[in-house]
Amino acid sequence: MLGNIGWLHMRCQAQCLKSSTVWAARLGVSPLRSFAAPASKIIDEVLAYARGCKDKPDEARSVLNQILGTHFDPPVGPGAGRLLLALADVEARDNSNWEGVQSLAAQACKAAKQSDGISDEESVLASEVQMEAFWVQTRAHLTLGNDSEAAVIAEKGVEAVRGMFFQPGAEQRRRQALTLANSAVAALQHAVGDFPGADATTNAVQTLTLHGSKSDEVDEERDRFIPDALKQIADLRAAQGQLAEASKLYKQAATAAKTNLESSKGGSSVLESPVHLGDLAADSLLGSAQLAANALRHEEAEDALIEALACAEAVGSDQHPRVALVLLVLGRLYASTARVSYAEGLYRESAKRLGVDKDGPKGDKPVDMPVHSSVAALLCWRFAQLLTVLPKRATEAGTWEERARSHFKFAGGLNVAPIEAVLGDLGALKEGGGHAGLGVVLNLTLRRALPVSS
């Protein structure tokens, strides 16, 4: 009996041979010479199958690489772009291989651009691939700390989408593309601490999304097209101290991401990656939890964190580094509510999953990790703050403080001020303790801690 991989491969071959024979007869050429890429419907089935291989990542890679190698050599056209983006998804979901993710997304964008002589429907699909690929690349570069490269890609994305989606009936996609591209620029500006730029770009994004007025009624159907933008706006508003608006937007983003995630099941839409949507749902809930915790609404914060944890674990393995970011915020909540043993356990587990339970960077380059250096600095500093208030733990607290400082050198938009100014004094948890710091907005999607405006 054929396995799933063999069945899919034979199905693609059969579909291609059937199509090529018909067209070859019309064109008067050999059907073997016109044997080309599988039909879009077959690619849909391949992508749906690969996305369903959550517990079998090697099989997903095998299916996708087999179809790419057989039918897209060289990889050209929207079909190849879709397959390459699916491979990028697998790398993000299972390996946190951000170099691989950005490389595959760049290849997908290149493949989709080479789509001459195709129908309007295929042209829309090619544009969707490019639109998504620019955003995936920007996210990956921001996680890696390649902020200059992220800026270049984000600006290229804005320029590219200005020439997309002029086909009849594609007006909604055009607004969506412009919103996502500008939101990517705003996310980059926020990450590097350019608050004037981020504010101006975000205001433009709000105009595009029809969220320009804070009194706008919630439109869930509209929000389904823009969950990334809603989350990006919420992060910036939280960082600017506009907490009521941020809270509303986090909830809208979570609802939109969860709705899209549900509709993506068994599907293959370029713009409905279950990996990214799962991350985004968890991230939006994490944002709500951080707002609640900062306002000392501890029970509300804990409820949001439990839901965020479930969303993060559902994306892939419950041992994945993405889960560690939720555990980090939960650890901070427990530390601030005197549940010290729980907090210590969560910090240790987070450090283990992120690979920061060892010495930090020694030279002029950050350590290779599944998260940005700002997250490593945040985790190590929070653990040092906890250990500082515990008896006979001074030596260990010093070790974690040293690790935090070494990672903080590569913390992007955070390290424009001393670590104490951002994350608080080491004695901040003591009764009547020291300065609490400006704080950060922890972003799970970017695997990065974002700065807060002073």
Foldseek 3Di string as FASTA:
>chain_A
DDDPLVVLVVVQQVQQLVVLVVVCVVVVHDSVVSRAAGDPVSLWQLLLVLLVVQVPLVVSVVSLVVRCVPHCVPQAALSSLLSLQSNLLSCVLPPLPLVSNLVSLVSSLVRLVRHPPDDPVSQQSSLLSNLLSLLSNLLSCLFQLVLVVSLVSLVVQLVVLVPDQPDPPRPLVSLLSNLSSLLSNLLSCQQQPVLVVNVVSLCVSCVSLVNNDVPDDDDLVSLLSPLSSLQSSLQSCVLAVVPVSSLVSLVSSLSSLVVLLVVCNSGRRSPRNNLLSLLSNLQSLQQNLVSCVVVVVLVSNVVSLVVSLVSSCVSHHNLALLSLVSLLSVLLSCLLVVVLVSSLVSLVSNCVNFVLPDAFDDDDHGDDTSGQLQLSLLSLLSNLLSQVPDPPSPVVSVRSNNRSQRSLVSQRNPNVDDPCQAQNDSPPSDVVTGDRHSYWRQGSSSSHTGHRDD
